[in-house]
Amino acid sequence: GLLNLCLLLLVLANARLCMENLIKYGVLINPVYIVQNCFGNLNN
């Protein structure tokens, strides 16, 4: 039971950090950027 409590606290704490990150920076995930850097960038 204590282990489950620790897991719940960990999930809640990280959920708060994720919400804070989204509120502060917005959505920064850009899969197109990854594909372009993998195959579209001659530097690679």
All heavy atoms as atom14 arrays in JSON, in Angstrom:
{
  "sequence": "GLLNLCLLLLVLANARLCMENLIKYGVLINPVYIVQNCFGNLNN",
  "atom14_mask": [
    [1, 1, 1, 1, 0, 0, 0, 0, 0, 0, 0, 0, 0, 0],
    [1, 1, 1, 1, 1, 1, 1, 1, 0, 0, 0, 0, 0, 0],
    [1, 1, 1, 1, 1, 1, 1, 1, 0, 0, 0, 0, 0, 0],
    [1, 1, 1, 1, 1, 1, 1, 1, 0, 0, 0, 0, 0, 0],
    [1, 1, 1, 1, 1, 1, 1, 1, 0, 0, 0, 0, 0, 0],
    [1, 1, 1, 1, 1, 1, 0, 0, 0, 0, 0, 0, 0, 0],
    [1, 1, 1, 1, 1, 1, 1, 1, 0, 0, 0, 0, 0, 0],
    [1, 1, 1, 1, 1, 1, 1, 1, 0, 0, 0, 0, 0, 0],
    [1, 1, 1, 1, 1, 1, 1, 1, 0, 0, 0, 0, 0, 0],
    [1, 1, 1, 1, 1, 1, 1, 1, 0, 0, 0, 0, 0, 0],
    [1, 1, 1, 1, 1, 1, 1, 0, 0, 0, 0, 0, 0, 0],
    [1, 1, 1, 1, 1, 1, 1, 1, 0, 0, 0, 0, 0, 0],
    [1, 1, 1, 1, 1, 0, 0, 0, 0, 0, 0, 0, 0, 0],
    [1, 1, 1, 1, 1, 1, 1, 1, 0, 0, 0, 0, 0, 0],
    [1, 1, 1, 1, 1, 0, 0, 0, 0, 0, 0, 0, 0, 0],
    [1, 1, 1, 1, 1, 1, 1, 1, 1, 1, 1, 0, 0, 0],
    [1, 1, 1, 1, 1, 1, 1, 1, 0, 0, 0, 0, 0, 0],
    [1, 1, 1, 1, 1, 1, 0, 0, 0, 0, 0, 0, 0, 0],
    [1, 1, 1, 1, 1, 1, 1, 1, 0, 0, 0, 0, 0, 0],
    [1, 1, 1, 1, 1, 1, 1, 1, 1, 0, 0, 0, 0, 0],
    [1, 1, 1, 1, 1, 1, 1, 1, 0, 0, 0, 0, 0, 0],
    [1, 1, 1, 1, 1, 1, 1, 1, 0, 0, 0, 0, 0, 0],
    [1, 1, 1, 1, 1, 1, 1, 1, 0, 0, 0, 0, 0, 0],
    [1, 1, 1, 1, 1, 1, 1, 1, 1, 0, 0, 0, 0, 0],
    [1, 1, 1, 1, 1, 1, 1, 1, 1, 1, 1, 1, 0, 0],
    [1, 1, 1, 1, 0, 0, 0, 0, 0, 0, 0, 0, 0, 0],
    [1, 1, 1, 1, 1, 1, 1, 0, 0, 0, 0, 0, 0, 0],
    [1, 1, 1, 1, 1, 1, 1, 1, 0, 0, 0, 0, 0, 0],
    [1, 1, 1, 1, 1, 1, 1, 1, 0, 0, 0, 0, 0, 0],
    [1, 1, 1, 1, 1, 1, 1, 1, 0, 0, 0, 0, 0, 0],
    [1, 1, 1, 1, 1, 1, 1, 0, 0, 0, 0, 0, 0, 0],
    [1, 1, 1, 1, 1, 1, 1, 0, 0, 0, 0, 0, 0, 0],
    [1, 1, 1, 1, 1, 1, 1, 1, 1, 1, 1, 1, 0, 0],
    [1, 1, 1, 1, 1, 1, 1, 1, 0, 0, 0, 0, 0, 0],
    [1, 1, 1, 1, 1, 1, 1, 0, 0, 0, 0, 0, 0, 0],
    [1, 1, 1, 1, 1, 1, 1, 1, 1, 0, 0, 0, 0, 0],
    [1, 1, 1, 1, 1, 1, 1, 1, 0, 0, 0, 0, 0, 0],
    [1, 1, 1, 1, 1, 1, 0, 0, 0, 0, 0, 0, 0, 0],
    [1, 1, 1, 1, 1, 1, 1, 1, 1, 1, 1, 0, 0, 0],
    [1, 1, 1, 1, 0, 0, 0, 0, 0, 0, 0, 0, 0, 0],
    [1, 1, 1, 1, 1, 1, 1, 1, 0, 0, 0, 0, 0, 0],
    [1, 1, 1, 1, 1, 1, 1, 1, 0, 0, 0, 0, 0, 0],
    [1, 1, 1, 1, 1, 1, 1, 1, 0, 0, 0, 0, 0, 0],
    [1, 1, 1, 1, 1, 1, 1, 1, 0, 0, 0, 0, 0, 0]
  ],
  "atom14_positions": [
    [[0.81, -1.21, 0.0], [0.0, 0.0, 0.0], [0.84, 1.26, 0.0], [0.53, 2.23, -0.71], [0.0, 0.0, 0.0], [0.0, 0.0, 0.0], [0.0, 0.0, 0.0], [0.0, 0.0, 0.0], [0.0, 0.0, 0.0], [0.0, 0.0, 0.0], [0.0, 0.0, 0.0], [0.0, 0.0, 0.0], [0.0, 0.0, 0.0], [0.0, 0.0, 0.0]],
    [[1.94, 1.27, 0.77], [2.82, 2.43, 0.79], [3.51, 2.61, -0.57], [3.74, 3.74, -1.01], [3.85, 2.29, 1.9], [3.31, 2.32, 3.34], [4.44, 2.12, 4.35], [2.61, 3.65, 3.6], [0.0, 0.0, 0.0], [0.0, 0.0, 0.0], [0.0, 0.0, 0.0], [0.0, 0.0, 0.0], [0.0, 0.0, 0.0], [0.0, 0.0, 0.0]],
    [[3.83, 1.49, -1.2], [4.43, 1.58, -2.53], [3.44, 2.19, -3.53], [3.82, 3.04, -4.35], [4.86, 0.19, -3.0], [5.47, 0.11, -4.41], [6.74, 0.96, -4.49], [5.78, -1.33, -4.78], [0.0, 0.0, 0.0], [0.0, 0.0, 0.0], [0.0, 0.0, 0.0], [0.0, 0.0, 0.0], [0.0, 0.0, 0.0], [0.0, 0.0, 0.0]],
    [[2.18, 1.79, -3.45], [1.17, 2.39, -4.31], [1.02, 3.88, -4.03], [0.83, 4.69, -4.96], [-0.17, 1.69, -4.12], [-0.15, 0.26, -4.62], [0.63, -0.08, -5.49], [-0.99, -0.59, -4.05], [0.0, 0.0, 0.0], [0.0, 0.0, 0.0], [0.0, 0.0, 0.0], [0.0, 0.0, 0.0], [0.0, 0.0, 0.0], [0.0, 0.0, 0.0]],
    [[1.1, 4.27, -2.76], [1.03, 5.68, -2.41], [2.19, 6.45, -3.02], [2.0, 7.54, -3.57], [1.03, 5.84, -0.88], [1.13, 7.27, -0.35], [-0.08, 8.09, -0.8], [1.26, 7.27, 1.17], [0.0, 0.0, 0.0], [0.0, 0.0, 0.0], [0.0, 0.0, 0.0], [0.0, 0.0, 0.0], [0.0, 0.0, 0.0], [0.0, 0.0, 0.0]],
    [[3.4, 5.89, -2.93], [4.57, 6.56, -3.52], [4.42, 6.7, -5.03], [4.77, 7.74, -5.59], [5.84, 5.77, -3.17], [6.26, 5.78, -1.42], [0.0, 0.0, 0.0], [0.0, 0.0, 0.0], [0.0, 0.0, 0.0], [0.0, 0.0, 0.0], [0.0, 0.0, 0.0], [0.0, 0.0, 0.0], [0.0, 0.0, 0.0], [0.0, 0.0, 0.0]],
    [[3.87, 5.68, -5.66], [3.67, 5.76, -7.1], [2.65, 6.83, -7.46], [2.82, 7.59, -8.42], [3.24, 4.4, -7.65], [4.28, 3.28, -7.6], [3.69, 1.97, -8.07], [5.5, 3.65, -8.45], [0.0, 0.0, 0.0], [0.0, 0.0, 0.0], [0.0, 0.0, 0.0], [0.0, 0.0, 0.0], [0.0, 0.0, 0.0], [0.0, 0.0, 0.0]],
    [[1.57, 6.91, -6.68], [0.56, 7.94, -6.94], [1.13, 9.34, -6.73], [0.87, 10.25, -7.52], [-0.65, 7.72, -6.03], [-1.57, 6.55, -6.39], [-2.65, 6.37, -5.33], [-2.2, 6.76, -7.76], [0.0, 0.0, 0.0], [0.0, 0.0, 0.0], [0.0, 0.0, 0.0], [0.0, 0.0, 0.0], [0.0, 0.0, 0.0], [0.0, 0.0, 0.0]],
    [[1.89, 9.52, -5.65], [2.51, 10.82, -5.41], [3.48, 11.18, -6.53], [3.57, 12.34, -6.95], [3.23, 10.82, -4.06], [2.34, 10.73, -2.82], [3.19, 10.65, -1.56], [1.38, 11.91, -2.74], [0.0, 0.0, 0.0], [0.0, 0.0, 0.0], [0.0, 0.0, 0.0], [0.0, 0.0, 0.0], [0.0, 0.0, 0.0], [0.0, 0.0, 0.0]],
    [[4.21, 10.17, -7.02], [5.15, 10.42, -8.12], [4.4, 10.83, -9.38], [4.81, 11.77, -10.08], [5.98, 9.16, -8.37], [7.05, 9.25, -9.47], [8.11, 10.28, -9.09], [7.7, 7.89, -9.69], [0.0, 0.0, 0.0], [0.0, 0.0, 0.0], [0.0, 0.0, 0.0], [0.0, 0.0, 0.0], [0.0, 0.0, 0.0], [0.0, 0.0, 0.0]],
    [[3.29, 10.15, -9.67], [2.51, 10.49, -10.86], [1.91, 11.89, -10.72], [1.95, 12.69, -11.67], [1.4, 9.44, -11.07], [0.43, 9.89, -12.15], [2.01, 8.09, -11.45], [0.0, 0.0, 0.0], [0.0, 0.0, 0.0], [0.0, 0.0, 0.0], [0.0, 0.0, 0.0], [0.0, 0.0, 0.0], [0.0, 0.0, 0.0], [0.0, 0.0, 0.0]],
    [[1.38, 12.21, -9.55], [0.77, 13.52, -9.36], [1.81, 14.64, -9.44], [1.57, 15.7, -10.03], [0.05, 13.57, -8.01], [-1.2, 12.68, -7.89], [-1.75, 12.73, -6.47], [-2.25, 13.13, -8.88], [0.0, 0.0, 0.0], [0.0, 0.0, 0.0], [0.0, 0.0, 0.0], [0.0, 0.0, 0.0], [0.0, 0.0, 0.0], [0.0, 0.0, 0.0]],
    [[2.99, 14.4, -8.84], [4.03, 15.43, -8.87], [4.51, 15.68, -10.29], [4.68, 16.83, -10.72], [5.2, 15.01, -7.98], [0.0, 0.0, 0.0], [0.0, 0.0, 0.0], [0.0, 0.0, 0.0], [0.0, 0.0, 0.0], [0.0, 0.0, 0.0], [0.0, 0.0, 0.0], [0.0, 0.0, 0.0], [0.0, 0.0, 0.0], [0.0, 0.0, 0.0]],
    [[4.7, 14.6, -11.07], [5.15, 14.77, -12.45], [4.04, 15.31, -13.33], [4.31, 16.03, -14.3], [5.67, 13.44, -13.0], [7.04, 13.08, -12.46], [8.06, 13.56, -12.93], [7.06, 12.23, -11.45], [0.0, 0.0, 0.0], [0.0, 0.0, 0.0], [0.0, 0.0, 0.0], [0.0, 0.0, 0.0], [0.0, 0.0, 0.0], [0.0, 0.0, 0.0]],
    [[2.78, 14.99, -13.01], [1.67, 15.57, -13.76], [1.62, 17.08, -13.56], [1.36, 17.85, -14.51], [0.35, 14.93, -13.33], [0.0, 0.0, 0.0], [0.0, 0.0, 0.0], [0.0, 0.0, 0.0], [0.0, 0.0, 0.0], [0.0, 0.0, 0.0], [0.0, 0.0, 0.0], [0.0, 0.0, 0.0], [0.0, 0.0, 0.0], [0.0, 0.0, 0.0]],
    [[1.87, 17.53, -12.34], [1.92, 18.97, -12.1], [3.05, 19.63, -12.88], [2.88, 20.7, -13.46], [2.11, 19.23, -10.6], [1.99, 20.71, -10.22], [2.58, 20.97, -8.87], [4.01, 20.77, -8.85], [4.89, 21.68, -9.27], [4.49, 22.83, -9.76], [6.18, 21.41, -9.21], [0.0, 0.0, 0.0], [0.0, 0.0, 0.0], [0.0, 0.0, 0.0]],
    [[4.22, 18.96, -12.91], [5.34, 19.52, -13.68], [5.02, 19.57, -15.17], [5.39, 20.53, -15.85], [6.6, 18.68, -13.43], [7.19, 18.73, -12.01], [8.38, 17.78, -11.9], [7.62, 20.15, -11.67], [0.0, 0.0, 0.0], [0.0, 0.0, 0.0], [0.0, 0.0, 0.0], [0.0, 0.0, 0.0], [0.0, 0.0, 0.0], [0.0, 0.0, 0.0]],
    [[4.33, 18.54, -15.66], [3.97, 18.53, -17.09], [2.98, 19.66, -17.4], [3.12, 20.35, -18.42], [3.37, 17.17, -17.46], [4.53, 15.8, -17.42], [0.0, 0.0, 0.0], [0.0, 0.0, 0.0], [0.0, 0.0, 0.0], [0.0, 0.0, 0.0], [0.0, 0.0, 0.0], [0.0, 0.0, 0.0], [0.0, 0.0, 0.0], [0.0, 0.0, 0.0]],
    [[1.99, 19.86, -16.53], [1.04, 20.95, -16.75], [1.73, 22.31, -16.67], [1.44, 23.21, -17.46], [-0.09, 20.86, -15.71], [-0.98, 19.64, -15.87], [-2.29, 19.57, -14.63], [-3.21, 21.05, -15.08], [0.0, 0.0, 0.0], [0.0, 0.0, 0.0], [0.0, 0.0, 0.0], [0.0, 0.0, 0.0], [0.0, 0.0, 0.0], [0.0, 0.0, 0.0]],
    [[2.65, 22.46, -15.72], [3.4, 23.71, -15.62], [4.22, 23.96, -16.88], [4.31, 25.09, -17.37], [4.29, 23.66, -14.39], [5.14, 24.91, -14.19], [6.08, 24.78, -13.01], [6.06, 23.73, -12.34], [6.87, 25.72, -12.78], [0.0, 0.0, 0.0], [0.0, 0.0, 0.0], [0.0, 0.0, 0.0], [0.0, 0.0, 0.0], [0.0, 0.0, 0.0]],
    [[4.81, 22.89, -17.39], [5.61, 23.02, -18.62], [4.74, 23.42, -19.8], [5.12, 24.3, -20.6], [6.32, 21.7, -18.89], [7.19, 21.73, -20.13], [6.71, 21.56, -21.24], [8.48, 21.97, -19.95], [0.0, 0.0, 0.0], [0.0, 0.0, 0.0], [0.0, 0.0, 0.0], [0.0, 0.0, 0.0], [0.0, 0.0, 0.0], [0.0, 0.0, 0.0]],
    [[3.57, 22.79, -19.94], [2.69, 23.12, -21.05], [2.14, 24.54, -20.95], [2.02, 25.26, -21.95], [1.53, 22.12, -21.11], [1.9, 20.69, -21.53], [0.7, 19.77, -21.37], [2.41, 20.67, -22.96], [0.0, 0.0, 0.0], [0.0, 0.0, 0.0], [0.0, 0.0, 0.0], [0.0, 0.0, 0.0], [0.0, 0.0, 0.0], [0.0, 0.0, 0.0]],
    [[1.81, 24.96, -19.73], [1.3, 26.32, -19.55], [2.37, 27.36, -19.86], [2.09, 28.41, -20.46], [0.76, 26.49, -18.12], [-0.47, 25.6, -17.9], [0.42, 27.94, -17.83], [-0.96, 25.56, -16.47], [0.0, 0.0, 0.0], [0.0, 0.0, 0.0], [0.0, 0.0, 0.0], [0.0, 0.0, 0.0], [0.0, 0.0, 0.0], [0.0, 0.0, 0.0]],
    [[3.61, 27.06, -19.49], [4.69, 28.03, -19.64], [5.22, 28.09, -21.06], [5.51, 29.17, -21.59], [5.81, 27.69, -18.66], [6.93, 28.72, -18.61], [7.94, 28.36, -17.54], [9.06, 29.41, -17.46], [10.05, 29.06, -16.4], [0.0, 0.0, 0.0], [0.0, 0.0, 0.0], [0.0, 0.0, 0.0], [0.0, 0.0, 0.0], [0.0, 0.0, 0.0]],
    [[5.37, 26.92, -21.73], [6.02, 26.89, -23.03], [5.09, 26.51, -24.18], [5.46, 26.68, -25.35], [7.19, 25.89, -23.01], [8.22, 26.19, -21.96], [8.34, 25.38, -20.84], [9.09, 27.27, -22.09], [9.3, 25.63, -19.87], [10.04, 27.54, -21.11], [10.14, 26.71, -20.01], [11.08, 26.99, -19.05], [0.0, 0.0, 0.0], [0.0, 0.0, 0.0]],
    [[3.91, 25.98, -23.87], [3.07, 25.48, -24.93], [3.57, 24.13, -25.44], [4.43, 23.49, -24.83], [0.0, 0.0, 0.0], [0.0, 0.0, 0.0], [0.0, 0.0, 0.0], [0.0, 0.0, 0.0], [0.0, 0.0, 0.0], [0.0, 0.0, 0.0], [0.0, 0.0, 0.0], [0.0, 0.0, 0.0], [0.0, 0.0, 0.0], [0.0, 0.0, 0.0]],
    [[3.05, 23.69, -26.56], [3.46, 22.4, -27.14], [4.69, 22.63, -28.02], [4.63, 23.34, -29.03], [2.31, 21.78, -27.96], [2.76, 20.46, -28.58], [1.08, 21.56, -27.09], [0.0, 0.0, 0.0], [0.0, 0.0, 0.0], [0.0, 0.0, 0.0], [0.0, 0.0, 0.0], [0.0, 0.0, 0.0], [0.0, 0.0, 0.0], [0.0, 0.0, 0.0]],
    [[5.81, 22.02, -27.63], [7.06, 22.17, -28.37], [7.4, 20.95, -29.21], [8.38, 20.98, -29.95], [8.21, 22.43, -27.38], [8.08, 23.68, -26.49], [9.25, 23.75, -25.53], [7.98, 24.94, -27.34], [0.0, 0.0, 0.0], [0.0, 0.0, 0.0], [0.0, 0.0, 0.0], [0.0, 0.0, 0.0], [0.0, 0.0, 0.0], [0.0, 0.0, 0.0]],
    [[6.62, 19.89, -29.1], [6.91, 18.66, -29.83], [6.68, 18.89, -31.32], [5.61, 19.35, -31.73], [6.03, 17.5, -29.31], [6.29, 17.27, -27.83], [6.28, 16.24, -30.11], [5.39, 16.24, -27.2], [0.0, 0.0, 0.0], [0.0, 0.0, 0.0], [0.0, 0.0, 0.0], [0.0, 0.0, 0.0], [0.0, 0.0, 0.0], [0.0, 0.0, 0.0]],
    [[7.68, 18.55, -32.13], [7.61, 18.77, -33.56], [8.22, 17.58, -34.28], [9.43, 17.56, -34.55], [8.35, 20.07, -33.93], [8.16, 20.43, -35.39], [7.41, 19.78, -36.12], [8.84, 21.48, -35.83], [0.0, 0.0, 0.0], [0.0, 0.0, 0.0], [0.0, 0.0, 0.0], [0.0, 0.0, 0.0], [0.0, 0.0, 0.0], [0.0, 0.0, 0.0]],
    [[7.42, 16.55, -34.61], [7.98, 15.38, -35.3], [8.54, 15.72, -36.68], [9.48, 15.07, -37.15], [6.79, 14.43, -35.42], [5.8, 14.91, -34.4], [6.0, 16.38, -34.32], [0.0, 0.0, 0.0], [0.0, 0.0, 0.0], [0.0, 0.0, 0.0], [0.0, 0.0, 0.0], [0.0, 0.0, 0.0], [0.0, 0.0, 0.0], [0.0, 0.0, 0.0]],
    [[7.98, 16.73, -37.36], [8.48, 17.1, -38.68], [9.93, 17.56, -38.6], [10.75, 17.27, -39.48], [7.6, 18.21, -39.29], [8.12, 18.64, -40.64], [6.15, 17.72, -39.4], [0.0, 0.0, 0.0], [0.0, 0.0, 0.0], [0.0, 0.0, 0.0], [0.0, 0.0, 0.0], [0.0, 0.0, 0.0], [0.0, 0.0, 0.0], [0.0, 0.0, 0.0]],
    [[10.28, 18.24, -37.52], [11.65, 18.7, -37.35], [12.62, 17.52, -37.27], [13.73, 17.57, -37.81], [11.74, 19.54, -36.08], [13.13, 20.04, -35.75], [13.65, 21.18, -36.35], [13.92, 19.37, -34.83], [14.91, 21.64, -36.06], [15.19, 19.81, -34.52], [15.68, 20.95, -35.14], [16.95, 21.38, -34.83], [0.0, 0.0, 0.0], [0.0, 0.0, 0.0]],
    [[12.19, 16.45, -36.59], [13.04, 15.27, -36.47], [13.26, 14.62, -37.83], [14.38, 14.26, -38.2], [12.42, 14.26, -35.48], [12.13, 14.93, -34.15], [13.33, 13.08, -35.29], [13.33, 15.49, -33.45], [0.0, 0.0, 0.0], [0.0, 0.0, 0.0], [0.0, 0.0, 0.0], [0.0, 0.0, 0.0], [0.0, 0.0, 0.0], [0.0, 0.0, 0.0]],
    [[12.17, 14.46, -38.59], [12.29, 13.84, -39.91], [13.17, 14.68, -40.83], [14.0, 14.14, -41.58], [10.88, 13.63, -40.52], [10.98, 13.08, -41.93], [10.05, 12.71, -39.64], [0.0, 0.0, 0.0], [0.0, 0.0, 0.0], [0.0, 0.0, 0.0], [0.0, 0.0, 0.0], [0.0, 0.0, 0.0], [0.0, 0.0, 0.0], [0.0, 0.0, 0.0]],
    [[12.99, 15.99, -40.8], [13.82, 16.85, -41.63], [15.29, 16.76, -41.27], [16.16, 16.75, -42.14], [13.34, 18.3, -41.51], [12.0, 18.56, -42.15], [11.53, 19.99, -41.94], [12.1, 20.72, -41.14], [10.46, 20.36, -42.64], [0.0, 0.0, 0.0], [0.0, 0.0, 0.0], [0.0, 0.0, 0.0], [0.0, 0.0, 0.0], [0.0, 0.0, 0.0]],
    [[15.59, 16.67, -39.98], [16.98, 16.56, -39.56], [17.57, 15.2, -39.86], [18.78, 15.07, -40.03], [17.1, 16.86, -38.07], [17.21, 18.34, -37.78], [18.3, 18.9, -37.78], [16.08, 18.99, -37.56], [0.0, 0.0, 0.0], [0.0, 0.0, 0.0], [0.0, 0.0, 0.0], [0.0, 0.0, 0.0], [0.0, 0.0, 0.0], [0.0, 0.0, 0.0]],
    [[16.7, 14.18, -39.91], [17.21, 12.83, -40.22], [17.52, 12.67, -41.7], [18.59, 12.17, -42.08], [16.19, 11.77, -39.79], [16.04, 11.55, -38.02], [0.0, 0.0, 0.0], [0.0, 0.0, 0.0], [0.0, 0.0, 0.0], [0.0, 0.0, 0.0], [0.0, 0.0, 0.0], [0.0, 0.0, 0.0], [0.0, 0.0, 0.0], [0.0, 0.0, 0.0]],
    [[16.59, 13.08, -42.56], [16.7, 12.77, -43.98], [16.82, 14.0, -44.88], [17.31, 13.89, -46.0], [15.49, 11.94, -44.42], [15.26, 10.71, -43.6], [14.25, 10.67, -42.65], [16.07, 9.6, -43.77], [14.04, 9.54, -41.88], [15.86, 8.46, -43.01], [14.85, 8.43, -42.06], [0.0, 0.0, 0.0], [0.0, 0.0, 0.0], [0.0, 0.0, 0.0]],
    [[16.35, 15.13, -44.41], [16.38, 16.31, -45.27], [17.56, 17.21, -45.08], [17.76, 18.15, -45.85], [0.0, 0.0, 0.0], [0.0, 0.0, 0.0], [0.0, 0.0, 0.0], [0.0, 0.0, 0.0], [0.0, 0.0, 0.0], [0.0, 0.0, 0.0], [0.0, 0.0, 0.0], [0.0, 0.0, 0.0], [0.0, 0.0, 0.0], [0.0, 0.0, 0.0]],
    [[18.37, 16.93, -44.06], [19.52, 17.78, -43.79], [20.77, 17.16, -44.4], [21.19, 16.06, -44.02], [19.69, 17.95, -42.28], [20.71, 19.03, -41.93], [21.38, 19.56, -42.81], [20.81, 19.35, -40.64], [0.0, 0.0, 0.0], [0.0, 0.0, 0.0], [0.0, 0.0, 0.0], [0.0, 0.0, 0.0], [0.0, 0.0, 0.0], [0.0, 0.0, 0.0]],
    [[21.38, 17.85, -45.35], [22.59, 17.34, -45.99], [23.76, 17.26, -45.03], [24.74, 16.55, -45.29], [22.96, 18.23, -47.19], [21.95, 18.25, -48.35], [22.43, 19.21, -49.42], [21.75, 16.86, -48.92], [0.0, 0.0, 0.0], [0.0, 0.0, 0.0], [0.0, 0.0, 0.0], [0.0, 0.0, 0.0], [0.0, 0.0, 0.0], [0.0, 0.0, 0.0]],
    [[23.65, 17.95, -43.9], [24.72, 17.92, -42.92], [24.86, 16.56, -42.26], [25.88, 16.27, -41.64], [24.45, 18.99, -41.85], [25.67, 19.24, -40.98], [26.79, 19.19, -41.47], [25.45, 19.53, -39.72], [0.0, 0.0, 0.0], [0.0, 0.0, 0.0], [0.0, 0.0, 0.0], [0.0, 0.0, 0.0], [0.0, 0.0, 0.0], [0.0, 0.0, 0.0]],
    [[23.84, 15.7, -42.37], [23.89, 14.38, -41.75], [24.43, 13.3, -42.68], [24.65, 12.17, -42.23], [22.48, 13.96, -41.28], [21.99, 14.82, -40.14], [22.77, 15.24, -39.3], [20.7, 15.09, -40.12], [0.0, 0.0, 0.0], [0.0, 0.0, 0.0], [0.0, 0.0, 0.0], [0.0, 0.0, 0.0], [0.0, 0.0, 0.0], [0.0, 0.0, 0.0]]
  ]
}
